[in-house]
Amino acid sequence: VETFGARLKRLRTIFHLSQDDIARIVGGRGRTTIGNWEAGLAE
């Protein structure tokens, strides 16, 4: 394991979800925010 972002991306892949799907799950975020999480640019 590397980071939260790497783990989120792996979970998203296992569940066949897009970054837009994750944005809807957490609510009030956009695809860019999820991309930043996975890249380690934000938490």
PDB file of all heavy atoms in Angstrom:
ATOM      1  N   VAL A   1       0.840  -1.178   0.000  1.00  0.00           N
ATOM      2  CA  VAL A   1       0.000   0.000   0.000  1.00  0.00           C
ATOM      3  C   VAL A   1       0.878   1.231   0.000  1.00  0.00           C
ATOM      4  O   VAL A   1       1.961   1.237   0.552  1.00  0.00           O
ATOM      5  CB  VAL A   1      -0.941   0.018   1.222  1.00  0.00           C
ATOM      6  CG1 VAL A   1      -0.184   0.202   2.503  1.00  0.00           C
ATOM      7  CG2 VAL A   1      -2.011   1.070   1.062  1.00  0.00           C
ATOM      8  N   GLU A   2       0.426   2.281  -0.673  1.00  0.00           N
ATOM      9  CA  GLU A   2       1.205   3.496  -0.720  1.00  0.00           C
ATOM     10  C   GLU A   2       0.536   4.616   0.081  1.00  0.00           C
ATOM     11  O   GLU A   2       1.065   5.081   1.079  1.00  0.00           O
ATOM     12  CB  GLU A   2       1.394   3.955  -2.169  1.00  0.00           C
ATOM     13  CG  GLU A   2       2.056   2.931  -3.088  1.00  0.00           C
ATOM     14  CD  GLU A   2       1.094   1.885  -3.593  1.00  0.00           C
ATOM     15  OE1 GLU A   2      -0.133   2.123  -3.569  1.00  0.00           O
ATOM     16  OE2 GLU A   2       1.564   0.813  -3.999  1.00  0.00           O
ATOM     17  N   THR A   3      -0.635   5.001  -0.334  1.00  0.00           N
ATOM     18  CA  THR A   3      -1.310   6.150   0.253  1.00  0.00           C
ATOM     19  C   THR A   3      -2.813   5.913   0.278  1.00  0.00           C
ATOM     20  O   THR A   3      -3.313   4.943  -0.296  1.00  0.00           O
ATOM     21  CB  THR A   3      -1.044   7.410  -0.582  1.00  0.00           C
ATOM     22  OG1 THR A   3      -1.581   7.203  -1.903  1.00  0.00           O
ATOM     23  CG2 THR A   3       0.445   7.715  -0.662  1.00  0.00           C
ATOM     24  N   PHE A   4      -3.521   6.842   0.933  1.00  0.00           N
ATOM     25  CA  PHE A   4      -4.980   6.803   0.865  1.00  0.00           C
ATOM     26  C   PHE A   4      -5.447   6.844  -0.582  1.00  0.00           C
ATOM     27  O   PHE A   4      -6.357   6.114  -0.983  1.00  0.00           O
ATOM     28  CB  PHE A   4      -5.579   7.992   1.633  1.00  0.00           C
ATOM     29  CG  PHE A   4      -6.997   8.304   1.233  1.00  0.00           C
ATOM     30  CD1 PHE A   4      -8.049   7.534   1.696  1.00  0.00           C
ATOM     31  CD2 PHE A   4      -7.273   9.354   0.365  1.00  0.00           C
ATOM     32  CE1 PHE A   4      -9.356   7.800   1.306  1.00  0.00           C
ATOM     33  CE2 PHE A   4      -8.575   9.632  -0.025  1.00  0.00           C
ATOM     34  CZ  PHE A   4      -9.625   8.851   0.447  1.00  0.00           C
ATOM     35  N   GLY A   5      -4.820   7.705  -1.399  1.00  0.00           N
ATOM     36  CA  GLY A   5      -5.222   7.836  -2.794  1.00  0.00           C
ATOM     37  C   GLY A   5      -5.093   6.532  -3.563  1.00  0.00           C
ATOM     38  O   GLY A   5      -5.984   6.168  -4.351  1.00  0.00           O
ATOM     39  N   ALA A   6      -3.995   5.812  -3.333  1.00  0.00           N
ATOM     40  CA  ALA A   6      -3.792   4.535  -4.017  1.00  0.00           C
ATOM     41  C   ALA A   6      -4.834   3.516  -3.577  1.00  0.00           C
ATOM     42  O   ALA A   6      -5.356   2.740  -4.380  1.00  0.00           O
ATOM     43  CB  ALA A   6      -2.386   4.018  -3.737  1.00  0.00           C
ATOM     44  N   ARG A   7      -5.157   3.526  -2.289  1.00  0.00           N
ATOM     45  CA  ARG A   7      -6.152   2.577  -1.778  1.00  0.00           C
ATOM     46  C   ARG A   7      -7.543   2.908  -2.309  1.00  0.00           C
ATOM     47  O   ARG A   7      -8.301   2.020  -2.696  1.00  0.00           O
ATOM     48  CB  ARG A   7      -6.133   2.586  -0.254  1.00  0.00           C
ATOM     49  CG  ARG A   7      -7.125   1.614   0.352  1.00  0.00           C
ATOM     50  CD  ARG A   7      -6.676   1.123   1.700  1.00  0.00           C
ATOM     51  NE  ARG A   7      -5.538   0.242   1.600  1.00  0.00           N
ATOM     52  CZ  ARG A   7      -5.033  -0.436   2.638  1.00  0.00           C
ATOM     53  NH1 ARG A   7      -5.565  -0.306   3.833  1.00  0.00           N
ATOM     54  NH2 ARG A   7      -4.001  -1.232   2.490  1.00  0.00           N
ATOM     55  N   LEU A   8      -7.884   4.188  -2.362  1.00  0.00           N
ATOM     56  CA  LEU A   8      -9.184   4.582  -2.909  1.00  0.00           C
ATOM     57  C   LEU A   8      -9.305   4.156  -4.365  1.00  0.00           C
ATOM     58  O   LEU A   8     -10.338   3.625  -4.789  1.00  0.00           O
ATOM     59  CB  LEU A   8      -9.369   6.092  -2.783  1.00  0.00           C
ATOM     60  CG  LEU A   8     -10.629   6.666  -3.433  1.00  0.00           C
ATOM     61  CD1 LEU A   8     -11.891   6.071  -2.800  1.00  0.00           C
ATOM     62  CD2 LEU A   8     -10.646   8.193  -3.330  1.00  0.00           C
ATOM     63  N   LYS A   9      -8.252   4.385  -5.126  1.00  0.00           N
ATOM     64  CA  LYS A   9      -8.286   4.004  -6.543  1.00  0.00           C
ATOM     65  C   LYS A   9      -8.453   2.506  -6.704  1.00  0.00           C
ATOM     66  O   LYS A   9      -9.189   2.035  -7.576  1.00  0.00           O
ATOM     67  CB  LYS A   9      -7.001   4.470  -7.232  1.00  0.00           C
ATOM     68  CG  LYS A   9      -7.006   4.231  -8.738  1.00  0.00           C
ATOM     69  CD  LYS A   9      -5.769   4.844  -9.386  1.00  0.00           C
ATOM     70  CE  LYS A   9      -5.802   4.635 -10.903  1.00  0.00           C
ATOM     71  NZ  LYS A   9      -4.611   5.251 -11.546  1.00  0.00           N
ATOM     72  N   ARG A  10      -7.786   1.725  -5.861  1.00  0.00           N
ATOM     73  CA  ARG A  10      -7.912   0.273  -5.945  1.00  0.00           C
ATOM     74  C   ARG A  10      -9.323  -0.169  -5.598  1.00  0.00           C
ATOM     75  O   ARG A  10      -9.916  -1.022  -6.280  1.00  0.00           O
ATOM     76  CB  ARG A  10      -6.905  -0.397  -5.009  1.00  0.00           C
ATOM     77  CG  ARG A  10      -6.901  -1.923  -5.154  1.00  0.00           C
ATOM     78  CD  ARG A  10      -5.739  -2.558  -4.461  1.00  0.00           C
ATOM     79  NE  ARG A  10      -5.804  -2.397  -3.016  1.00  0.00           N
ATOM     80  CZ  ARG A  10      -4.887  -2.877  -2.182  1.00  0.00           C
ATOM     81  NH1 ARG A  10      -3.814  -3.474  -2.659  1.00  0.00           N
ATOM     82  NH2 ARG A  10      -5.013  -2.720  -0.886  1.00  0.00           N
ATOM     83  N   LEU A  11      -9.909   0.415  -4.538  1.00  0.00           N
ATOM     84  CA  LEU A  11     -11.290   0.095  -4.180  1.00  0.00           C
ATOM     85  C   LEU A  11     -12.247   0.463  -5.315  1.00  0.00           C
ATOM     86  O   LEU A  11     -13.160  -0.294  -5.659  1.00  0.00           O
ATOM     87  CB  LEU A  11     -11.681   0.833  -2.901  1.00  0.00           C
ATOM     88  CG  LEU A  11     -11.130   0.284  -1.581  1.00  0.00           C
ATOM     89  CD1 LEU A  11     -11.337   1.294  -0.469  1.00  0.00           C
ATOM     90  CD2 LEU A  11     -11.783  -1.034  -1.232  1.00  0.00           C
ATOM     91  N   ARG A  12     -12.021   1.628  -5.883  1.00  0.00           N
ATOM     92  CA  ARG A  12     -12.882   2.091  -6.982  1.00  0.00           C
ATOM     93  C   ARG A  12     -12.814   1.123  -8.163  1.00  0.00           C
ATOM     94  O   ARG A  12     -13.841   0.808  -8.786  1.00  0.00           O
ATOM     95  CB  ARG A  12     -12.454   3.498  -7.401  1.00  0.00           C
ATOM     96  CG  ARG A  12     -13.296   4.091  -8.512  1.00  0.00           C
ATOM     97  CD  ARG A  12     -13.000   5.559  -8.704  1.00  0.00           C
ATOM     98  NE  ARG A  12     -11.628   5.831  -9.103  1.00  0.00           N
ATOM     99  CZ  ARG A  12     -11.155   5.651 -10.338  1.00  0.00           C
ATOM    100  NH1 ARG A  12     -11.947   5.159 -11.283  1.00  0.00           N
ATOM    101  NH2 ARG A  12      -9.901   5.941 -10.626  1.00  0.00           N
ATOM    102  N   THR A  13     -11.616   0.626  -8.434  1.00  0.00           N
ATOM    103  CA  THR A  13     -11.444  -0.313  -9.540  1.00  0.00           C
ATOM    104  C   THR A  13     -12.127  -1.642  -9.252  1.00  0.00           C
ATOM    105  O   THR A  13     -12.801  -2.215 -10.129  1.00  0.00           O
ATOM    106  CB  THR A  13      -9.940  -0.546  -9.798  1.00  0.00           C
ATOM    107  OG1 THR A  13      -9.321   0.702 -10.120  1.00  0.00           O
ATOM    108  CG2 THR A  13      -9.733  -1.518 -10.956  1.00  0.00           C
ATOM    109  N   ILE A  14     -11.977  -2.133  -8.018  1.00  0.00           N
ATOM    110  CA  ILE A  14     -12.604  -3.399  -7.633  1.00  0.00           C
ATOM    111  C   ILE A  14     -14.117  -3.331  -7.775  1.00  0.00           C
ATOM    112  O   ILE A  14     -14.773  -4.271  -8.227  1.00  0.00           O
ATOM    113  CB  ILE A  14     -12.216  -3.768  -6.186  1.00  0.00           C
ATOM    114  CG1 ILE A  14     -10.730  -4.142  -6.116  1.00  0.00           C
ATOM    115  CG2 ILE A  14     -13.069  -4.916  -5.655  1.00  0.00           C
ATOM    116  CD1 ILE A  14     -10.207  -4.319  -4.706  1.00  0.00           C
ATOM    117  N   PHE A  15     -14.683  -2.184  -7.418  1.00  0.00           N
ATOM    118  CA  PHE A  15     -16.136  -2.015  -7.458  1.00  0.00           C
ATOM    119  C   PHE A  15     -16.628  -1.477  -8.812  1.00  0.00           C
ATOM    120  O   PHE A  15     -17.812  -1.179  -8.964  1.00  0.00           O
ATOM    121  CB  PHE A  15     -16.586  -1.078  -6.335  1.00  0.00           C
ATOM    122  CG  PHE A  15     -16.679  -1.739  -4.988  1.00  0.00           C
ATOM    123  CD1 PHE A  15     -15.535  -2.032  -4.257  1.00  0.00           C
ATOM    124  CD2 PHE A  15     -17.911  -2.083  -4.449  1.00  0.00           C
ATOM    125  CE1 PHE A  15     -15.612  -2.637  -3.021  1.00  0.00           C
ATOM    126  CE2 PHE A  15     -18.004  -2.696  -3.207  1.00  0.00           C
ATOM    127  CZ  PHE A  15     -16.850  -2.980  -2.488  1.00  0.00           C
ATOM    128  N   HIS A  16     -15.704  -1.347  -9.775  1.00  0.00           N
ATOM    129  CA  HIS A  16     -16.064  -0.887 -11.125  1.00  0.00           C
ATOM    130  C   HIS A  16     -16.757   0.477 -11.094  1.00  0.00           C
ATOM    131  O   HIS A  16     -17.810   0.679 -11.709  1.00  0.00           O
ATOM    132  CB  HIS A  16     -16.975  -1.917 -11.829  1.00  0.00           C
ATOM    133  CG  HIS A  16     -16.409  -3.303 -11.834  1.00  0.00           C
ATOM    134  ND1 HIS A  16     -15.288  -3.646 -12.557  1.00  0.00           N
ATOM    135  CD2 HIS A  16     -16.795  -4.433 -11.185  1.00  0.00           C
ATOM    136  CE1 HIS A  16     -15.009  -4.926 -12.362  1.00  0.00           C
ATOM    137  NE2 HIS A  16     -15.910  -5.430 -11.531  1.00  0.00           N
ATOM    138  N   LEU A  17     -16.162   1.412 -10.369  1.00  0.00           N
ATOM    139  CA  LEU A  17     -16.735   2.745 -10.226  1.00  0.00           C
ATOM    140  C   LEU A  17     -15.840   3.784 -10.896  1.00  0.00           C
ATOM    141  O   LEU A  17     -14.621   3.616 -10.995  1.00  0.00           O
ATOM    142  CB  LEU A  17     -16.887   3.102  -8.750  1.00  0.00           C
ATOM    143  CG  LEU A  17     -17.784   2.186  -7.899  1.00  0.00           C
ATOM    144  CD1 LEU A  17     -17.668   2.561  -6.434  1.00  0.00           C
ATOM    145  CD2 LEU A  17     -19.219   2.261  -8.367  1.00  0.00           C
ATOM    146  N   SER A  18     -16.457   4.870 -11.344  1.00  0.00           N
ATOM    147  CA  SER A  18     -15.702   5.993 -11.908  1.00  0.00           C
ATOM    148  C   SER A  18     -15.461   7.030 -10.810  1.00  0.00           C
ATOM    149  O   SER A  18     -16.039   6.956  -9.722  1.00  0.00           O
ATOM    150  CB  SER A  18     -16.490   6.627 -13.050  1.00  0.00           C
ATOM    151  OG  SER A  18     -17.663   7.246 -12.549  1.00  0.00           O
ATOM    152  N   GLN A  19     -14.630   8.005 -11.118  1.00  0.00           N
ATOM    153  CA  GLN A  19     -14.427   9.094 -10.162  1.00  0.00           C
ATOM    154  C   GLN A  19     -15.718   9.872  -9.956  1.00  0.00           C
ATOM    155  O   GLN A  19     -15.981  10.367  -8.852  1.00  0.00           O
ATOM    156  CB  GLN A  19     -13.309  10.009 -10.644  1.00  0.00           C
ATOM    157  CG  GLN A  19     -11.933   9.359 -10.576  1.00  0.00           C
ATOM    158  CD  GLN A  19     -10.829  10.275 -11.047  1.00  0.00           C
ATOM    159  OE1 GLN A  19     -11.075  11.279 -11.726  1.00  0.00           O
ATOM    160  NE2 GLN A  19      -9.581   9.956 -10.701  1.00  0.00           N
ATOM    161  N   ASP A  20     -16.547   9.964 -10.990  1.00  0.00           N
ATOM    162  CA  ASP A  20     -17.855  10.620 -10.849  1.00  0.00           C
ATOM    163  C   ASP A  20     -18.732   9.849  -9.860  1.00  0.00           C
ATOM    164  O   ASP A  20     -19.492  10.454  -9.081  1.00  0.00           O
ATOM    165  CB  ASP A  20     -18.559  10.711 -12.202  1.00  0.00           C
ATOM    166  CG  ASP A  20     -17.942  11.762 -13.109  1.00  0.00           C
ATOM    167  OD1 ASP A  20     -17.451  12.777 -12.580  1.00  0.00           O
ATOM    168  OD2 ASP A  20     -17.943  11.568 -14.334  1.00  0.00           O
ATOM    169  N   ASP A  21     -18.650   8.507  -9.897  1.00  0.00           N
ATOM    170  CA  ASP A  21     -19.421   7.691  -8.955  1.00  0.00           C
ATOM    171  C   ASP A  21     -18.998   7.987  -7.518  1.00  0.00           C
ATOM    172  O   ASP A  21     -19.841   8.114  -6.625  1.00  0.00           O
ATOM    173  CB  ASP A  21     -19.230   6.205  -9.251  1.00  0.00           C
ATOM    174  CG  ASP A  21     -19.836   5.772 -10.578  1.00  0.00           C
ATOM    175  OD1 ASP A  21     -20.875   6.331 -10.953  1.00  0.00           O
ATOM    176  OD2 ASP A  21     -19.248   4.883 -11.222  1.00  0.00           O
ATOM    177  N   ILE A  22     -17.689   8.079  -7.305  1.00  0.00           N
ATOM    178  CA  ILE A  22     -17.187   8.376  -5.955  1.00  0.00           C
ATOM    179  C   ILE A  22     -17.659   9.752  -5.508  1.00  0.00           C
ATOM    180  O   ILE A  22     -18.042   9.948  -4.343  1.00  0.00           O
ATOM    181  CB  ILE A  22     -15.646   8.307  -5.918  1.00  0.00           C
ATOM    182  CG1 ILE A  22     -15.156   6.909  -6.282  1.00  0.00           C
ATOM    183  CG2 ILE A  22     -15.126   8.711  -4.542  1.00  0.00           C
ATOM    184  CD1 ILE A  22     -15.612   5.821  -5.333  1.00  0.00           C
ATOM    185  N   ALA A  23     -17.649  10.710  -6.423  1.00  0.00           N
ATOM    186  CA  ALA A  23     -18.115  12.057  -6.102  1.00  0.00           C
ATOM    187  C   ALA A  23     -19.568  12.031  -5.633  1.00  0.00           C
ATOM    188  O   ALA A  23     -19.954  12.744  -4.700  1.00  0.00           O
ATOM    189  CB  ALA A  23     -17.952  12.974  -7.315  1.00  0.00           C
ATOM    190  N   ARG A  24     -20.381  11.199  -6.280  1.00  0.00           N
ATOM    191  CA  ARG A  24     -21.788  11.104  -5.876  1.00  0.00           C
ATOM    192  C   ARG A  24     -21.926  10.421  -4.512  1.00  0.00           C
ATOM    193  O   ARG A  24     -22.804  10.782  -3.720  1.00  0.00           O
ATOM    194  CB  ARG A  24     -22.578  10.335  -6.940  1.00  0.00           C
ATOM    195  CG  ARG A  24     -22.888  11.159  -8.200  1.00  0.00           C
ATOM    196  CD  ARG A  24     -23.898  10.455  -9.089  1.00  0.00           C
ATOM    197  NE  ARG A  24     -23.305   9.268  -9.734  1.00  0.00           N
ATOM    198  CZ  ARG A  24     -22.666   9.290 -10.897  1.00  0.00           C
ATOM    199  NH1 ARG A  24     -22.509  10.444 -11.546  1.00  0.00           N
ATOM    200  NH2 ARG A  24     -22.175   8.188 -11.416  1.00  0.00           N
ATOM    201  N   ILE A  25     -21.080   9.441  -4.247  1.00  0.00           N
ATOM    202  CA  ILE A  25     -21.145   8.720  -2.975  1.00  0.00           C
ATOM    203  C   ILE A  25     -20.854   9.653  -1.802  1.00  0.00           C
ATOM    204  O   ILE A  25     -21.553   9.635  -0.783  1.00  0.00           O
ATOM    205  CB  ILE A  25     -20.148   7.536  -2.973  1.00  0.00           C
ATOM    206  CG1 ILE A  25     -20.625   6.452  -3.941  1.00  0.00           C
ATOM    207  CG2 ILE A  25     -19.986   6.960  -1.565  1.00  0.00           C
ATOM    208  CD1 ILE A  25     -19.569   5.403  -4.249  1.00  0.00           C
ATOM    209  N   VAL A  26     -19.813  10.460  -1.927  1.00  0.00           N
ATOM    210  CA  VAL A  26     -19.451  11.351  -0.828  1.00  0.00           C
ATOM    211  C   VAL A  26     -20.299  12.611  -0.815  1.00  0.00           C
ATOM    212  O   VAL A  26     -20.447  13.263   0.218  1.00  0.00           O
ATOM    213  CB  VAL A  26     -17.950  11.712  -0.871  1.00  0.00           C
ATOM    214  CG1 VAL A  26     -17.105  10.465  -0.709  1.00  0.00           C
ATOM    215  CG2 VAL A  26     -17.581  12.427  -2.160  1.00  0.00           C
ATOM    216  N   GLY A  27     -20.858  12.990  -1.967  1.00  0.00           N
ATOM    217  CA  GLY A  27     -21.753  14.136  -2.042  1.00  0.00           C
ATOM    218  C   GLY A  27     -21.036  15.469  -1.979  1.00  0.00           C
ATOM    219  O   GLY A  27     -20.105  15.657  -1.189  1.00  0.00           O
ATOM    220  N   GLY A  28     -21.452  16.401  -2.830  1.00  0.00           N
ATOM    221  CA  GLY A  28     -20.915  17.753  -2.784  1.00  0.00           C
ATOM    222  C   GLY A  28     -19.504  17.903  -3.320  1.00  0.00           C
ATOM    223  O   GLY A  28     -18.864  18.929  -3.114  1.00  0.00           O
ATOM    224  N   ARG A  29     -18.993  16.889  -4.008  1.00  0.00           N
ATOM    225  CA  ARG A  29     -17.669  16.965  -4.618  1.00  0.00           C
ATOM    226  C   ARG A  29     -17.779  16.725  -6.107  1.00  0.00           C
ATOM    227  O   ARG A  29     -18.727  16.126  -6.599  1.00  0.00           O
ATOM    228  CB  ARG A  29     -16.705  15.914  -4.036  1.00  0.00           C
ATOM    229  CG  ARG A  29     -16.020  16.329  -2.752  1.00  0.00           C
ATOM    230  CD  ARG A  29     -16.880  16.094  -1.565  1.00  0.00           C
ATOM    231  NE  ARG A  29     -16.165  16.319  -0.316  1.00  0.00           N
ATOM    232  CZ  ARG A  29     -16.751  16.238   0.865  1.00  0.00           C
ATOM    233  NH1 ARG A  29     -18.040  15.969   0.978  1.00  0.00           N
ATOM    234  NH2 ARG A  29     -16.062  16.456   1.959  1.00  0.00           N
ATOM    235  N   GLY A  30     -16.758  17.178  -6.812  1.00  0.00           N
ATOM    236  CA  GLY A  30     -16.703  16.937  -8.245  1.00  0.00           C
ATOM    237  C   GLY A  30     -15.628  15.936  -8.584  1.00  0.00           C
ATOM    238  O   GLY A  30     -14.837  15.515  -7.735  1.00  0.00           O
ATOM    239  N   ARG A  31     -15.582  15.562  -9.855  1.00  0.00           N
ATOM    240  CA  ARG A  31     -14.595  14.586 -10.306  1.00  0.00           C
ATOM    241  C   ARG A  31     -13.170  15.066 -10.050  1.00  0.00           C
ATOM    242  O   ARG A  31     -12.290  14.269  -9.716  1.00  0.00           O
ATOM    243  CB  ARG A  31     -14.808  14.317 -11.791  1.00  0.00           C
ATOM    244  CG  ARG A  31     -13.864  13.284 -12.375  1.00  0.00           C
ATOM    245  CD  ARG A  31     -14.171  13.028 -13.823  1.00  0.00           C
ATOM    246  NE  ARG A  31     -13.306  11.996 -14.375  1.00  0.00           N
ATOM    247  CZ  ARG A  31     -13.378  11.568 -15.618  1.00  0.00           C
ATOM    248  NH1 ARG A  31     -14.277  12.084 -16.456  1.00  0.00           N
ATOM    249  NH2 ARG A  31     -12.548  10.634 -16.051  1.00  0.00           N
ATOM    250  N   THR A  32     -12.935  16.357 -10.164  1.00  0.00           N
ATOM    251  CA  THR A  32     -11.588  16.904  -9.948  1.00  0.00           C
ATOM    252  C   THR A  32     -11.116  16.660  -8.520  1.00  0.00           C
ATOM    253  O   THR A  32      -9.944  16.320  -8.289  1.00  0.00           O
ATOM    254  CB  THR A  32     -11.574  18.414 -10.241  1.00  0.00           C
ATOM    255  OG1 THR A  32     -11.946  18.622 -11.605  1.00  0.00           O
ATOM    256  CG2 THR A  32     -10.185  18.991 -10.012  1.00  0.00           C
ATOM    257  N   THR A  33     -12.024  16.819  -7.568  1.00  0.00           N
ATOM    258  CA  THR A  33     -11.672  16.579  -6.161  1.00  0.00           C
ATOM    259  C   THR A  33     -11.243  15.137  -5.948  1.00  0.00           C
ATOM    260  O   THR A  33     -10.240  14.864  -5.278  1.00  0.00           O
ATOM    261  CB  THR A  33     -12.865  16.899  -5.255  1.00  0.00           C
ATOM    262  OG1 THR A  33     -13.192  18.280  -5.379  1.00  0.00           O
ATOM    263  CG2 THR A  33     -12.536  16.592  -3.792  1.00  0.00           C
ATOM    264  N   ILE A  34     -11.988  14.208  -6.541  1.00  0.00           N
ATOM    265  CA  ILE A  34     -11.656  12.792  -6.388  1.00  0.00           C
ATOM    266  C   ILE A  34     -10.307  12.504  -7.038  1.00  0.00           C
ATOM    267  O   ILE A  34      -9.484  11.753  -6.495  1.00  0.00           O
ATOM    268  CB  ILE A  34     -12.748  11.892  -7.003  1.00  0.00           C
ATOM    269  CG1 ILE A  34     -14.139  12.275  -6.471  1.00  0.00           C
ATOM    270  CG2 ILE A  34     -12.441  10.428  -6.708  1.00  0.00           C
ATOM    271  CD1 ILE A  34     -14.253  12.298  -4.968  1.00  0.00           C
ATOM    272  N   GLY A  35     -10.068  13.105  -8.192  1.00  0.00           N
ATOM    273  CA  GLY A  35      -8.783  12.940  -8.855  1.00  0.00           C
ATOM    274  C   GLY A  35      -7.636  13.450  -7.993  1.00  0.00           C
ATOM    275  O   GLY A  35      -6.560  12.839  -7.930  1.00  0.00           O
ATOM    276  N   ASN A  36      -7.867  14.567  -7.311  1.00  0.00           N
ATOM    277  CA  ASN A  36      -6.840  15.116  -6.416  1.00  0.00           C
ATOM    278  C   ASN A  36      -6.587  14.195  -5.223  1.00  0.00           C
ATOM    279  O   ASN A  36      -5.445  14.046  -4.774  1.00  0.00           O
ATOM    280  CB  ASN A  36      -7.254  16.506  -5.928  1.00  0.00           C
ATOM    281  CG  ASN A  36      -7.112  17.569  -6.996  1.00  0.00           C
ATOM    282  OD1 ASN A  36      -6.360  17.404  -7.964  1.00  0.00           O
ATOM    283  ND2 ASN A  36      -7.839  18.670  -6.846  1.00  0.00           N
ATOM    284  N   TRP A  37      -7.654  13.582  -4.705  1.00  0.00           N
ATOM    285  CA  TRP A  37      -7.478  12.626  -3.620  1.00  0.00           C
ATOM    286  C   TRP A  37      -6.593  11.468  -4.074  1.00  0.00           C
ATOM    287  O   TRP A  37      -5.661  11.076  -3.378  1.00  0.00           O
ATOM    288  CB  TRP A  37      -8.825  12.067  -3.166  1.00  0.00           C
ATOM    289  CG  TRP A  37      -9.688  13.036  -2.414  1.00  0.00           C
ATOM    290  CD1 TRP A  37      -9.353  14.296  -2.003  1.00  0.00           C
ATOM    291  CD2 TRP A  37     -11.035  12.822  -1.997  1.00  0.00           C
ATOM    292  NE1 TRP A  37     -10.406  14.879  -1.355  1.00  0.00           N
ATOM    293  CE2 TRP A  37     -11.457  14.003  -1.329  1.00  0.00           C
ATOM    294  CE3 TRP A  37     -11.928  11.777  -2.111  1.00  0.00           C
ATOM    295  CZ2 TRP A  37     -12.728  14.129  -0.784  1.00  0.00           C
ATOM    296  CZ3 TRP A  37     -13.202  11.896  -1.573  1.00  0.00           C
ATOM    297  CH2 TRP A  37     -13.597  13.069  -0.913  1.00  0.00           C
ATOM    298  N   GLU A  38      -6.908  10.918  -5.237  1.00  0.00           N
ATOM    299  CA  GLU A  38      -6.161   9.757  -5.718  1.00  0.00           C
ATOM    300  C   GLU A  38      -4.714  10.111  -6.063  1.00  0.00           C
ATOM    301  O   GLU A  38      -3.816   9.253  -5.965  1.00  0.00           O
ATOM    302  CB  GLU A  38      -6.873   9.141  -6.925  1.00  0.00           C
ATOM    303  CG  GLU A  38      -8.216   8.516  -6.562  1.00  0.00           C
ATOM    304  CD  GLU A  38      -8.870   7.784  -7.734  1.00  0.00           C
ATOM    305  OE1 GLU A  38      -8.284   7.817  -8.841  1.00  0.00           O
ATOM    306  OE2 GLU A  38      -9.943   7.183  -7.525  1.00  0.00           O
ATOM    307  N   ALA A  39      -4.483  11.342  -6.447  1.00  0.00           N
ATOM    308  CA  ALA A  39      -3.121  11.783  -6.796  1.00  0.00           C
ATOM    309  C   ALA A  39      -2.330  12.227  -5.573  1.00  0.00           C
ATOM    310  O   ALA A  39      -1.132  12.526  -5.671  1.00  0.00           O
ATOM    311  CB  ALA A  39      -3.193  12.928  -7.806  1.00  0.00           C
ATOM    312  N   GLY A  40      -2.996  12.267  -4.405  1.00  0.00           N
ATOM    313  CA  GLY A  40      -2.318  12.688  -3.191  1.00  0.00           C
ATOM    314  C   GLY A  40      -2.170  14.189  -3.067  1.00  0.00           C
ATOM    315  O   GLY A  40      -1.376  14.678  -2.257  1.00  0.00           O
ATOM    316  N   LEU A  41      -2.945  14.952  -3.845  1.00  0.00           N
ATOM    317  CA  LEU A  41      -2.861  16.404  -3.811  1.00  0.00           C
ATOM    318  C   LEU A  41      -3.809  17.018  -2.788  1.00  0.00           C
ATOM    319  O   LEU A  41      -3.710  18.203  -2.480  1.00  0.00           O
ATOM    320  CB  LEU A  41      -3.163  16.982  -5.203  1.00  0.00           C
ATOM    321  CG  LEU A  41      -2.222  16.516  -6.324  1.00  0.00           C
ATOM    322  CD1 LEU A  41      -2.683  17.087  -7.666  1.00  0.00           C
ATOM    323  CD2 LEU A  41      -0.783  16.935  -6.018  1.00  0.00           C
ATOM    324  N   ALA A  42      -4.735  16.217  -2.291  1.00  0.00           N
ATOM    325  CA  ALA A  42      -5.695  16.685  -1.289  1.00  0.00           C
ATOM    326  C   ALA A  42      -6.178  15.478  -0.497  1.00  0.00           C
ATOM    327  O   ALA A  42      -6.009  14.331  -0.931  1.00  0.00           O
ATOM    328  CB  ALA A  42      -6.869  17.400  -1.957  1.00  0.00           C
ATOM    329  N   GLU A  43      -6.784  15.738   0.655  1.00  0.00           N
ATOM    330  CA  GLU A  43      -7.291  14.666   1.499  1.00  0.00           C
ATOM    331  C   GLU A  43      -8.749  14.925   1.861  1.00  0.00           C
ATOM    332  O   GLU A  43      -9.165  16.077   2.005  1.00  0.00           O
ATOM    333  CB  GLU A  43      -6.460  14.545   2.782  1.00  0.00           C
ATOM    334  CG  GLU A  43      -5.015  14.154   2.536  1.00  0.00           C
ATOM    335  CD  GLU A  43      -4.234  14.019   3.828  1.00  0.00           C
ATOM    336  OE1 GLU A  43      -4.775  14.412   4.886  1.00  0.00           O
ATOM    337  OE2 GLU A  43      -3.100  13.520   3.774  1.00  0.00           O
TER     338      GLU A  43
END
